[in-house]
Each structure stands twice: as C-alpha cells, then as structure tokens.
C-alpha cells in the first residue's frame, strides 16, 4: 500500500464502517492487516492530527467510502438529496400530466 493509502486508513481508523470492513469483512489479508496495524501504531505515536475528511488528491469520495458511509454523511449534513429526488418526481409527474392527460 502507498503512503497516501496509509494516511487514509490512519485518518479514518476509528470509523465503525472501516473497522467492520477490516475485521468482519476481512478486506485485507492477515499480513496486510498486521502491517497496517503496525503503521497506524507508528503514526499514532507521531501524534499526527486526524482529519475525518482526509482523502488522497486522486481519490473521489465514492471510490473511498462505502455507500453506507456516504448515506450516513449525507443524512448528517442534510444534503437535500431526498428533497431534490422528491421535487424531480413531482416535476416529472406534472410534466406527464400536462403533456398526456390534460385535455384542451
């Protein structure tokens, strides 16, 4: 793994979804996980401030995070995605009504 990946794991180490992926879903081989745990321990000893929003420059959020995590973040931030979806459905229904069902 690259240093950028190590930084990602470090900054997000205490997130429940990440811990579940590592220890329940076993996304890494035992040797990789042991190396990562060792690296995280060293970084914690260096007192690097954790940034919960850290992402390497070349990684998009949807590539780095699980869908579950992105939904949780969206709900916490009040992203308004639900409202946009609702308005889109309503708008589509209105356009459909005006084009196909309305009689002049």
PDB file of N, CA and C in Angstrom:
ATOM      1  N   UNK A   1       0.835  -1.188   0.000  1.00  0.00           N
ATOM      2  CA  UNK A   1       0.000   0.000   0.000  1.00  0.00           C
ATOM      3  C   UNK A   1       0.876   1.247   0.000  1.00  0.00           C
ATOM      4  N   UNK A   2       0.348   2.277  -0.583  1.00  0.00           N
ATOM      5  CA  UNK A   2       1.108   3.524  -0.666  1.00  0.00           C
ATOM      6  C   UNK A   2       0.986   4.312   0.630  1.00  0.00           C
ATOM      7  N   UNK A   3       1.839   5.308   0.769  1.00  0.00           N
ATOM      8  CA  UNK A   3       1.788   6.183   1.943  1.00  0.00           C
ATOM      9  C   UNK A   3       0.445   6.912   2.000  1.00  0.00           C
ATOM     10  N   UNK A   4      -0.077   7.327   0.831  1.00  0.00           N
ATOM     11  CA  UNK A   4      -1.377   8.009   0.793  1.00  0.00           C
ATOM     12  C   UNK A   4      -2.465   7.088   1.322  1.00  0.00           C
ATOM     13  N   UNK A   5      -2.389   5.806   0.980  1.00  0.00           N
ATOM     14  CA  UNK A   5      -3.377   4.863   1.472  1.00  0.00           C
ATOM     15  C   UNK A   5      -3.242   4.696   2.982  1.00  0.00           C
ATOM     16  N   UNK A   6      -1.999   4.617   3.466  1.00  0.00           N
ATOM     17  CA  UNK A   6      -1.778   4.543   4.906  1.00  0.00           C
ATOM     18  C   UNK A   6      -2.392   5.754   5.605  1.00  0.00           C
ATOM     19  N   UNK A   7      -2.223   6.926   5.019  1.00  0.00           N
ATOM     20  CA  UNK A   7      -2.808   8.134   5.604  1.00  0.00           C
ATOM     21  C   UNK A   7      -4.327   8.056   5.627  1.00  0.00           C
ATOM     22  N   UNK A   8      -4.911   7.539   4.552  1.00  0.00           N
ATOM     23  CA  UNK A   8      -6.366   7.385   4.529  1.00  0.00           C
ATOM     24  C   UNK A   8      -6.819   6.480   5.673  1.00  0.00           C
ATOM     25  N   UNK A   9      -6.183   5.312   5.799  1.00  0.00           N
ATOM     26  CA  UNK A   9      -6.547   4.383   6.872  1.00  0.00           C
ATOM     27  C   UNK A   9      -6.357   5.052   8.230  1.00  0.00           C
ATOM     28  N   UNK A  10      -5.274   5.786   8.395  1.00  0.00           N
ATOM     29  CA  UNK A  10      -4.986   6.444   9.674  1.00  0.00           C
ATOM     30  C   UNK A  10      -6.079   7.450  10.050  1.00  0.00           C
ATOM     31  N   UNK A  11      -6.394   8.313   9.109  1.00  0.00           N
ATOM     32  CA  UNK A  11      -7.375   9.371   9.392  1.00  0.00           C
ATOM     33  C   UNK A  11      -8.766   8.807   9.669  1.00  0.00           C
ATOM     34  N   UNK A  12      -9.082   7.659   9.121  1.00  0.00           N
ATOM     35  CA  UNK A  12     -10.417   7.080   9.247  1.00  0.00           C
ATOM     36  C   UNK A  12     -10.428   5.821  10.115  1.00  0.00           C
ATOM     37  N   UNK A  13      -9.355   5.571  10.842  1.00  0.00           N
ATOM     38  CA  UNK A  13      -9.155   4.331  11.584  1.00  0.00           C
ATOM     39  C   UNK A  13     -10.286   4.007  12.562  1.00  0.00           C
ATOM     40  N   UNK A  14     -10.851   4.982  13.209  1.00  0.00           N
ATOM     41  CA  UNK A  14     -11.849   4.733  14.247  1.00  0.00           C
ATOM     42  C   UNK A  14     -13.289   4.725  13.735  1.00  0.00           C
ATOM     43  N   UNK A  15     -13.479   4.815  12.446  1.00  0.00           N
ATOM     44  CA  UNK A  15     -14.831   4.801  11.892  1.00  0.00           C
ATOM     45  C   UNK A  15     -15.381   3.374  11.917  1.00  0.00           C
ATOM     46  N   UNK A  16     -16.598   3.201  12.418  1.00  0.00           N
ATOM     47  CA  UNK A  16     -17.175   1.864  12.532  1.00  0.00           C
ATOM     48  C   UNK A  16     -17.228   1.087  11.212  1.00  0.00           C
ATOM     49  N   UNK A  17     -17.562   1.754  10.112  1.00  0.00           N
ATOM     50  CA  UNK A  17     -17.649   1.057   8.827  1.00  0.00           C
ATOM     51  C   UNK A  17     -16.277   0.529   8.400  1.00  0.00           C
ATOM     52  N   UNK A  18     -15.243   1.301   8.652  1.00  0.00           N
ATOM     53  CA  UNK A  18     -13.893   0.864   8.303  1.00  0.00           C
ATOM     54  C   UNK A  18     -13.463  -0.310   9.180  1.00  0.00           C
ATOM     55  N   UNK A  19     -13.738  -0.230  10.468  1.00  0.00           N
ATOM     56  CA  UNK A  19     -13.394  -1.325  11.373  1.00  0.00           C
ATOM     57  C   UNK A  19     -14.139  -2.598  10.986  1.00  0.00           C
ATOM     58  N   UNK A  20     -15.395  -2.452  10.604  1.00  0.00           N
ATOM     59  CA  UNK A  20     -16.185  -3.607  10.160  1.00  0.00           C
ATOM     60  C   UNK A  20     -15.574  -4.214   8.901  1.00  0.00           C
ATOM     61  N   UNK A  21     -15.166  -3.359   7.967  1.00  0.00           N
ATOM     62  CA  UNK A  21     -14.558  -3.860   6.731  1.00  0.00           C
ATOM     63  C   UNK A  21     -13.259  -4.605   7.012  1.00  0.00           C
ATOM     64  N   UNK A  22     -12.462  -4.093   7.925  1.00  0.00           N
ATOM     65  CA  UNK A  22     -11.176  -4.714   8.227  1.00  0.00           C
ATOM     66  C   UNK A  22     -11.304  -6.004   9.024  1.00  0.00           C
ATOM     67  N   UNK A  23     -12.144  -5.992  10.044  1.00  0.00           N
ATOM     68  CA  UNK A  23     -12.150  -7.108  10.986  1.00  0.00           C
ATOM     69  C   UNK A  23     -13.297  -8.091  10.808  1.00  0.00           C
ATOM     70  N   UNK A  24     -14.404  -7.655  10.229  1.00  0.00           N
ATOM     71  CA  UNK A  24     -15.503  -8.597   9.986  1.00  0.00           C
ATOM     72  C   UNK A  24     -15.536  -9.046   8.531  1.00  0.00           C
ATOM     73  N   UNK A  25     -15.416  -8.083   7.615  1.00  0.00           N
ATOM     74  CA  UNK A  25     -15.475  -8.411   6.191  1.00  0.00           C
ATOM     75  C   UNK A  25     -14.125  -8.870   5.648  1.00  0.00           C
ATOM     76  N   UNK A  26     -13.071  -8.599   6.415  1.00  0.00           N
ATOM     77  CA  UNK A  26     -11.712  -9.047   6.101  1.00  0.00           C
ATOM     78  C   UNK A  26     -11.277  -8.630   4.681  1.00  0.00           C
ATOM     79  N   UNK A  27     -11.312  -7.314   4.431  1.00  0.00           N
ATOM     80  CA  UNK A  27     -10.934  -6.793   3.119  1.00  0.00           C
ATOM     81  C   UNK A  27      -9.422  -6.867   2.866  1.00  0.00           C
ATOM     82  N   UNK A  28      -8.645  -7.104   3.909  1.00  0.00           N
ATOM     83  CA  UNK A  28      -7.198  -7.250   3.769  1.00  0.00           C
ATOM     84  C   UNK A  28      -6.768  -8.634   4.250  1.00  0.00           C
ATOM     85  N   UNK A  29      -5.708  -9.145   3.632  1.00  0.00           N
ATOM     86  CA  UNK A  29      -5.107 -10.389   4.092  1.00  0.00           C
ATOM     87  C   UNK A  29      -4.496 -10.157   5.474  1.00  0.00           C
ATOM     88  N   UNK A  30      -4.288 -11.222   6.236  1.00  0.00           N
ATOM     89  CA  UNK A  30      -3.752 -11.103   7.599  1.00  0.00           C
ATOM     90  C   UNK A  30      -2.425 -10.351   7.635  1.00  0.00           C
ATOM     91  N   UNK A  31      -1.530 -10.649   6.698  1.00  0.00           N
ATOM     92  CA  UNK A  31      -0.218  -9.986   6.678  1.00  0.00           C
ATOM     93  C   UNK A  31      -0.364  -8.489   6.386  1.00  0.00           C
ATOM     94  N   UNK A  32      -1.273  -8.152   5.458  1.00  0.00           N
ATOM     95  CA  UNK A  32      -1.508  -6.743   5.134  1.00  0.00           C
ATOM     96  C   UNK A  32      -2.114  -6.008   6.331  1.00  0.00           C
ATOM     97  N   UNK A  33      -3.039  -6.663   7.010  1.00  0.00           N
ATOM     98  CA  UNK A  33      -3.678  -6.054   8.165  1.00  0.00           C
ATOM     99  C   UNK A  33      -2.677  -5.845   9.295  1.00  0.00           C
ATOM    100  N   UNK A  34      -1.811  -6.810   9.522  1.00  0.00           N
ATOM    101  CA  UNK A  34      -0.785  -6.682  10.564  1.00  0.00           C
ATOM    102  C   UNK A  34       0.164  -5.527  10.235  1.00  0.00           C
ATOM    103  N   UNK A  35       0.564  -5.399   8.959  1.00  0.00           N
ATOM    104  CA  UNK A  35       1.434  -4.299   8.543  1.00  0.00           C
ATOM    105  C   UNK A  35       0.731  -2.963   8.742  1.00  0.00           C
ATOM    106  N   UNK A  36      -0.552  -2.922   8.400  1.00  0.00           N
ATOM    107  CA  UNK A  36      -1.319  -1.694   8.551  1.00  0.00           C
ATOM    108  C   UNK A  36      -1.466  -1.320  10.027  1.00  0.00           C
ATOM    109  N   UNK A  37      -1.785  -2.279  10.864  1.00  0.00           N
ATOM    110  CA  UNK A  37      -1.907  -2.008  12.300  1.00  0.00           C
ATOM    111  C   UNK A  37      -0.598  -1.458  12.864  1.00  0.00           C
ATOM    112  N   UNK A  38       0.523  -2.022  12.409  1.00  0.00           N
ATOM    113  CA  UNK A  38       1.837  -1.551  12.850  1.00  0.00           C
ATOM    114  C   UNK A  38       2.071  -0.113  12.394  1.00  0.00           C
ATOM    115  N   UNK A  39       1.737   0.163  11.140  1.00  0.00           N
ATOM    116  CA  UNK A  39       1.927   1.512  10.579  1.00  0.00           C
ATOM    117  C   UNK A  39       1.039   2.530  11.306  1.00  0.00           C
ATOM    118  N   UNK A  40      -0.211   2.154  11.587  1.00  0.00           N
ATOM    119  CA  UNK A  40      -1.128   3.041  12.303  1.00  0.00           C
ATOM    120  C   UNK A  40      -0.576   3.335  13.690  1.00  0.00           C
ATOM    121  N   UNK A  41      -0.047   2.317  14.342  1.00  0.00           N
ATOM    122  CA  UNK A  41       0.535   2.489  15.680  1.00  0.00           C
ATOM    123  C   UNK A  41       1.689   3.488  15.654  1.00  0.00           C
ATOM    124  N   UNK A  42       2.548   3.387  14.636  1.00  0.00           N
ATOM    125  CA  UNK A  42       3.669   4.327  14.489  1.00  0.00           C
ATOM    126  C   UNK A  42       3.136   5.744  14.278  1.00  0.00           C
ATOM    127  N   UNK A  43       2.135   5.896  13.423  1.00  0.00           N
ATOM    128  CA  UNK A  43       1.582   7.221  13.139  1.00  0.00           C
ATOM    129  C   UNK A  43       0.913   7.809  14.384  1.00  0.00           C
ATOM    130  N   UNK A  44       0.245   6.957  15.170  1.00  0.00           N
ATOM    131  CA  UNK A  44      -0.354   7.444  16.412  1.00  0.00           C
ATOM    132  C   UNK A  44       0.730   7.924  17.372  1.00  0.00           C
ATOM    133  N   UNK A  45       1.876   7.243  17.378  1.00  0.00           N
ATOM    134  CA  UNK A  45       2.997   7.659  18.216  1.00  0.00           C
ATOM    135  C   UNK A  45       3.584   8.990  17.786  1.00  0.00           C
ATOM    136  N   UNK A  46       3.395   9.332  16.512  1.00  0.00           N
ATOM    137  CA  UNK A  46       3.892  10.614  15.995  1.00  0.00           C
ATOM    138  C   UNK A  46       2.901  11.753  16.268  1.00  0.00           C
ATOM    139  N   UNK A  47       1.772  11.428  16.885  1.00  0.00           N
ATOM    140  CA  UNK A  47       0.736  12.411  17.228  1.00  0.00           C
ATOM    141  C   UNK A  47       0.248  13.217  16.029  1.00  0.00           C
ATOM    142  N   UNK A  48       0.081  12.561  14.915  1.00  0.00           N
ATOM    143  CA  UNK A  48      -0.466  13.211  13.722  1.00  0.00           C
ATOM    144  C   UNK A  48      -1.949  13.477  13.979  1.00  0.00           C
ATOM    145  N   UNK A  49      -2.371  14.697  13.767  1.00  0.00           N
ATOM    146  CA  UNK A  49      -3.778  15.056  13.977  1.00  0.00           C
ATOM    147  C   UNK A  49      -4.624  14.365  12.917  1.00  0.00           C
ATOM    148  N   UNK A  50      -5.671  13.701  13.373  1.00  0.00           N
ATOM    149  CA  UNK A  50      -6.562  13.006  12.441  1.00  0.00           C
ATOM    150  C   UNK A  50      -7.516  14.010  11.797  1.00  0.00           C
ATOM    151  N   UNK A  51      -7.746  13.821  10.510  1.00  0.00           N
ATOM    152  CA  UNK A  51      -8.673  14.651   9.742  1.00  0.00           C
ATOM    153  C   UNK A  51      -9.762  13.731   9.195  1.00  0.00           C
ATOM    154  N   UNK A  52     -10.978  13.772   9.741  1.00  0.00           N
ATOM    155  CA  UNK A  52     -12.031  12.858   9.297  1.00  0.00           C
ATOM    156  C   UNK A  52     -12.460  13.068   7.849  1.00  0.00           C
ATOM    157  N   UNK A  53     -12.060  14.181   7.248  1.00  0.00           N
ATOM    158  CA  UNK A  53     -12.400  14.460   5.854  1.00  0.00           C
ATOM    159  C   UNK A  53     -11.255  14.156   4.900  1.00  0.00           C
ATOM    160  N   UNK A  54     -10.162  13.574   5.405  1.00  0.00           N
ATOM    161  CA  UNK A  54      -8.983  13.340   4.563  1.00  0.00           C
ATOM    162  C   UNK A  54      -9.287  12.362   3.435  1.00  0.00           C
ATOM    163  N   UNK A  55      -8.886  12.745   2.238  1.00  0.00           N
ATOM    164  CA  UNK A  55      -8.872  11.875   1.066  1.00  0.00           C
ATOM    165  C   UNK A  55      -7.623  12.199   0.270  1.00  0.00           C
ATOM    166  N   UNK A  56      -6.950  11.186  -0.281  1.00  0.00           N
ATOM    167  CA  UNK A  56      -5.837  11.490  -1.187  1.00  0.00           C
ATOM    168  C   UNK A  56      -6.358  12.312  -2.359  1.00  0.00           C
ATOM    169  N   UNK A  57      -5.488  13.116  -2.941  1.00  0.00           N
ATOM    170  CA  UNK A  57      -5.901  14.034  -4.013  1.00  0.00           C
ATOM    171  C   UNK A  57      -6.530  13.338  -5.214  1.00  0.00           C
ATOM    172  N   UNK A  58      -6.078  12.111  -5.508  1.00  0.00           N
ATOM    173  CA  UNK A  58      -6.545  11.438  -6.719  1.00  0.00           C
ATOM    174  C   UNK A  58      -7.697  10.459  -6.474  1.00  0.00           C
ATOM    175  N   UNK A  59      -8.344  10.546  -5.322  1.00  0.00           N
ATOM    176  CA  UNK A  59      -9.431   9.631  -4.986  1.00  0.00           C
ATOM    177  C   UNK A  59     -10.722  10.412  -4.771  1.00  0.00           C
ATOM    178  N   UNK A  60     -11.788   9.978  -5.439  1.00  0.00           N
ATOM    179  CA  UNK A  60     -13.108  10.592  -5.264  1.00  0.00           C
ATOM    180  C   UNK A  60     -13.802   9.948  -4.060  1.00  0.00           C
ATOM    181  N   UNK A  61     -14.666  10.683  -3.365  1.00  0.00           N
ATOM    182  CA  UNK A  61     -15.337  10.119  -2.187  1.00  0.00           C
ATOM    183  C   UNK A  61     -16.070   8.808  -2.457  1.00  0.00           C
ATOM    184  N   UNK A  62     -16.729   8.698  -3.623  1.00  0.00           N
ATOM    185  CA  UNK A  62     -17.477   7.467  -3.905  1.00  0.00           C
ATOM    186  C   UNK A  62     -16.559   6.273  -4.144  1.00  0.00           C
ATOM    187  N   UNK A  63     -15.273   6.510  -4.409  1.00  0.00           N
ATOM    188  CA  UNK A  63     -14.312   5.415  -4.538  1.00  0.00           C
ATOM    189  C   UNK A  63     -13.731   5.017  -3.181  1.00  0.00           C
ATOM    190  N   UNK A  64     -13.688   5.955  -2.265  1.00  0.00           N
ATOM    191  CA  UNK A  64     -13.032   5.703  -0.980  1.00  0.00           C
ATOM    192  C   UNK A  64     -13.982   5.203   0.091  1.00  0.00           C
ATOM    193  N   UNK A  65     -15.229   5.600   0.040  1.00  0.00           N
ATOM    194  CA  UNK A  65     -16.153   5.288   1.113  1.00  0.00           C
ATOM    195  C   UNK A  65     -17.219   4.310   0.654  1.00  0.00           C
ATOM    196  N   UNK A  66     -17.749   3.551   1.600  1.00  0.00           N
ATOM    197  CA  UNK A  66     -18.852   2.642   1.298  1.00  0.00           C
ATOM    198  C   UNK A  66     -20.122   3.465   1.066  1.00  0.00           C
ATOM    199  N   UNK A  67     -21.079   2.852   0.377  1.00  0.00           N
ATOM    200  CA  UNK A  67     -22.355   3.528   0.156  1.00  0.00           C
ATOM    201  C   UNK A  67     -23.031   3.831   1.487  1.00  0.00           C
ATOM    202  N   UNK A  68     -22.900   2.905   2.435  1.00  0.00           N
ATOM    203  CA  UNK A  68     -23.484   3.098   3.767  1.00  0.00           C
ATOM    204  C   UNK A  68     -22.921   4.356   4.423  1.00  0.00           C
ATOM    205  N   UNK A  69     -21.604   4.525   4.353  1.00  0.00           N
ATOM    206  CA  UNK A  69     -20.962   5.683   4.966  1.00  0.00           C
ATOM    207  C   UNK A  69     -21.411   6.968   4.272  1.00  0.00           C
ATOM    208  N   UNK A  70     -21.466   6.954   2.954  1.00  0.00           N
ATOM    209  CA  UNK A  70     -21.883   8.152   2.219  1.00  0.00           C
ATOM    210  C   UNK A  70     -23.331   8.523   2.556  1.00  0.00           C
ATOM    211  N   UNK A  71     -24.198   7.529   2.744  1.00  0.00           N
ATOM    212  CA  UNK A  71     -25.581   7.810   3.146  1.00  0.00           C
ATOM    213  C   UNK A  71     -25.602   8.452   4.535  1.00  0.00           C
ATOM    214  N   UNK A  72     -24.788   7.903   5.459  1.00  0.00           N
ATOM    215  CA  UNK A  72     -24.742   8.458   6.811  1.00  0.00           C
ATOM    216  C   UNK A  72     -24.283   9.913   6.789  1.00  0.00           C
ATOM    217  N   UNK A  73     -23.241  10.184   6.011  1.00  0.00           N
ATOM    218  CA  UNK A  73     -22.724  11.549   5.914  1.00  0.00           C
ATOM    219  C   UNK A  73     -23.774  12.465   5.308  1.00  0.00           C
ATOM    220  N   UNK A  74     -24.436  12.006   4.265  1.00  0.00           N
ATOM    221  CA  UNK A  74     -25.473  12.806   3.621  1.00  0.00           C
ATOM    222  C   UNK A  74     -26.595  13.139   4.572  1.00  0.00           C
ATOM    223  N   UNK A  75     -26.982  12.176   5.413  1.00  0.00           N
ATOM    224  CA  UNK A  75     -28.042  12.420   6.383  1.00  0.00           C
ATOM    225  C   UNK A  75     -27.588  13.415   7.441  1.00  0.00           C
ATOM    226  N   UNK A  76     -26.334  13.297   7.883  1.00  0.00           N
ATOM    227  CA  UNK A  76     -25.819  14.209   8.903  1.00  0.00           C
ATOM    228  C   UNK A  76     -25.708  15.632   8.382  1.00  0.00           C
ATOM    229  N   UNK A  77     -25.309  15.768   7.143  1.00  0.00           N
ATOM    230  CA  UNK A  77     -25.098  17.095   6.576  1.00  0.00           C
ATOM    231  C   UNK A  77     -26.383  17.691   6.031  1.00  0.00           C
ATOM    232  N   UNK A  78     -27.468  16.905   5.985  1.00  0.00           N
ATOM    233  CA  UNK A  78     -28.707  17.421   5.414  1.00  0.00           C
ATOM    234  C   UNK A  78     -28.493  17.790   3.967  1.00  0.00           C
ATOM    235  N   UNK A  79     -27.982  16.846   3.190  1.00  0.00           N
ATOM    236  CA  UNK A  79     -27.565  17.116   1.827  1.00  0.00           C
ATOM    237  C   UNK A  79     -28.699  17.587   0.922  1.00  0.00           C
ATOM    238  N   UNK A  80     -29.945  17.285   1.290  1.00  0.00           N
ATOM    239  CA  UNK A  80     -31.054  17.711   0.457  1.00  0.00           C
ATOM    240  C   UNK A  80     -31.290  16.808  -0.737  1.00  0.00           C
ATOM    241  N   UNK A  81     -30.577  15.685  -0.809  1.00  0.00           N
ATOM    242  CA  UNK A  81     -30.738  14.775  -1.936  1.00  0.00           C
ATOM    243  C   UNK A  81     -32.171  14.238  -1.985  1.00  0.00           C
ATOM    244  N   UNK A  82     -32.735  13.924  -0.828  1.00  0.00           N
ATOM    245  CA  UNK A  82     -34.116  13.441  -0.786  1.00  0.00           C
ATOM    246  C   UNK A  82     -35.086  14.477  -1.331  1.00  0.00           C
ATOM    247  N   UNK A  83     -34.870  15.732  -0.967  1.00  0.00           N
ATOM    248  CA  UNK A  83     -35.727  16.809  -1.449  1.00  0.00           C
ATOM    249  C   UNK A  83     -35.607  16.962  -2.964  1.00  0.00           C
ATOM    250  N   UNK A  84     -34.398  16.891  -3.467  1.00  0.00           N
ATOM    251  CA  UNK A  84     -34.181  17.005  -4.913  1.00  0.00           C
ATOM    252  C   UNK A  84     -34.881  15.864  -5.642  1.00  0.00           C
ATOM    253  N   UNK A  85     -34.749  14.649  -5.107  1.00  0.00           N
ATOM    254  CA  UNK A  85     -35.408  13.493  -5.709  1.00  0.00           C
ATOM    255  C   UNK A  85     -36.920  13.662  -5.688  1.00  0.00           C
ATOM    256  N   UNK A  86     -37.473  14.093  -4.564  1.00  0.00           N
ATOM    257  CA  UNK A  86     -38.912  14.302  -4.445  1.00  0.00           C
ATOM    258  C   UNK A  86     -39.400  15.357  -5.437  1.00  0.00           C
ATOM    259  N   UNK A  87     -38.679  16.465  -5.541  1.00  0.00           N
ATOM    260  CA  UNK A  87     -39.071  17.514  -6.486  1.00  0.00           C
ATOM    261  C   UNK A  87     -38.968  17.029  -7.935  1.00  0.00           C
ATOM    262  N   UNK A  88     -37.972  16.207  -8.228  1.00  0.00           N
ATOM    263  CA  UNK A  88     -37.825  15.655  -9.577  1.00  0.00           C
ATOM    264  C   UNK A  88     -39.008  14.758  -9.926  1.00  0.00           C
ATOM    265  N   UNK A  89     -39.409  13.920  -8.995  1.00  0.00           N
ATOM    266  CA  UNK A  89     -40.552  13.030  -9.227  1.00  0.00           C
ATOM    267  C   UNK A  89     -41.824  13.849  -9.419  1.00  0.00           C
ATOM    268  N   UNK A  90     -42.025  14.826  -8.542  1.00  0.00           N
ATOM    269  CA  UNK A  90     -43.203  15.686  -8.652  1.00  0.00           C
ATOM    270  C   UNK A  90     -43.198  16.436  -9.987  1.00  0.00           C
ATOM    271  N   UNK A  91     -42.049  16.983 -10.347  1.00  0.00           N
ATOM    272  CA  UNK A  91     -41.941  17.715 -11.614  1.00  0.00           C
ATOM    273  C   UNK A  91     -42.213  16.821 -12.809  1.00  0.00           C
ATOM    274  N   UNK A  92     -41.691  15.604 -12.763  1.00  0.00           N
ATOM    275  CA  UNK A  92     -41.931  14.651 -13.853  1.00  0.00           C
ATOM    276  C   UNK A  92     -43.401  14.295 -13.967  1.00  0.00           C
ATOM    277  N   UNK A  93     -44.061  14.105 -12.824  1.00  0.00           N
ATOM    278  CA  UNK A  93     -45.492  13.796 -12.835  1.00  0.00           C
ATOM    279  C   UNK A  93     -46.288  14.963 -13.396  1.00  0.00           C
ATOM    280  N   UNK A  94     -45.911  16.163 -13.030  1.00  0.00           N
ATOM    281  CA  UNK A  94     -46.609  17.346 -13.528  1.00  0.00           C
ATOM    282  C   UNK A  94     -46.437  17.484 -15.038  1.00  0.00           C
ATOM    283  N   UNK A  95     -45.240  17.306 -15.518  1.00  0.00           N
ATOM    284  CA  UNK A  95     -44.988  17.380 -16.968  1.00  0.00           C
ATOM    285  C   UNK A  95     -45.773  16.287 -17.684  1.00  0.00           C
ATOM    286  N   UNK A  96     -45.760  15.076 -17.124  1.00  0.00           N
ATOM    287  CA  UNK A  96     -46.543  13.986 -17.725  1.00  0.00           C
ATOM    288  C   UNK A  96     -48.017  14.313 -17.795  1.00  0.00           C
ATOM    289  N   UNK A  97     -48.551  14.875 -16.728  1.00  0.00           N
ATOM    290  CA  UNK A  97     -49.950  15.266 -16.706  1.00  0.00           C
ATOM    291  C   UNK A  97     -50.232  16.316 -17.779  1.00  0.00           C
ATOM    292  N   UNK A  98     -49.392  17.334 -17.839  1.00  0.00           N
ATOM    293  CA  UNK A  98     -49.616  18.419 -18.788  1.00  0.00           C
ATOM    294  C   UNK A  98     -49.509  17.950 -20.235  1.00  0.00           C
ATOM    295  N   UNK A  99     -48.618  17.033 -20.518  1.00  0.00           N
ATOM    296  CA  UNK A  99     -48.407  16.578 -21.888  1.00  0.00           C
ATOM    297  C   UNK A  99     -49.395  15.512 -22.340  1.00  0.00           C
ATOM    298  N   UNK A 100     -49.780  14.619 -21.465  1.00  0.00           N
ATOM    299  CA  UNK A 100     -50.535  13.452 -21.911  1.00  0.00           C
ATOM    300  C   UNK A 100     -51.987  13.387 -21.416  1.00  0.00           C
ATOM    301  N   UNK A 101     -52.292  13.961 -20.295  1.00  0.00           N
ATOM    302  CA  UNK A 101     -53.611  13.777 -19.722  1.00  0.00           C
ATOM    303  C   UNK A 101     -54.493  15.012 -19.767  1.00  0.00           C
ATOM    304  N   UNK A 102     -53.910  16.120 -19.944  1.00  0.00           N
ATOM    305  CA  UNK A 102     -54.686  17.365 -19.930  1.00  0.00           C
ATOM    306  C   UNK A 102     -55.372  17.519 -21.293  1.00  0.00           C
ATOM    307  N   UNK A 103     -56.659  17.754 -21.250  1.00  0.00           N
ATOM    308  CA  UNK A 103     -57.441  17.959 -22.476  1.00  0.00           C
ATOM    309  C   UNK A 103     -57.721  19.442 -22.644  1.00  0.00           C
ATOM    310  N   UNK A 104     -57.555  19.928 -23.852  1.00  0.00           N
ATOM    311  CA  UNK A 104     -57.811  21.361 -24.103  1.00  0.00           C
ATOM    312  C   UNK A 104     -59.254  21.605 -24.370  1.00  0.00           C
TER     313      UNK A 104
END
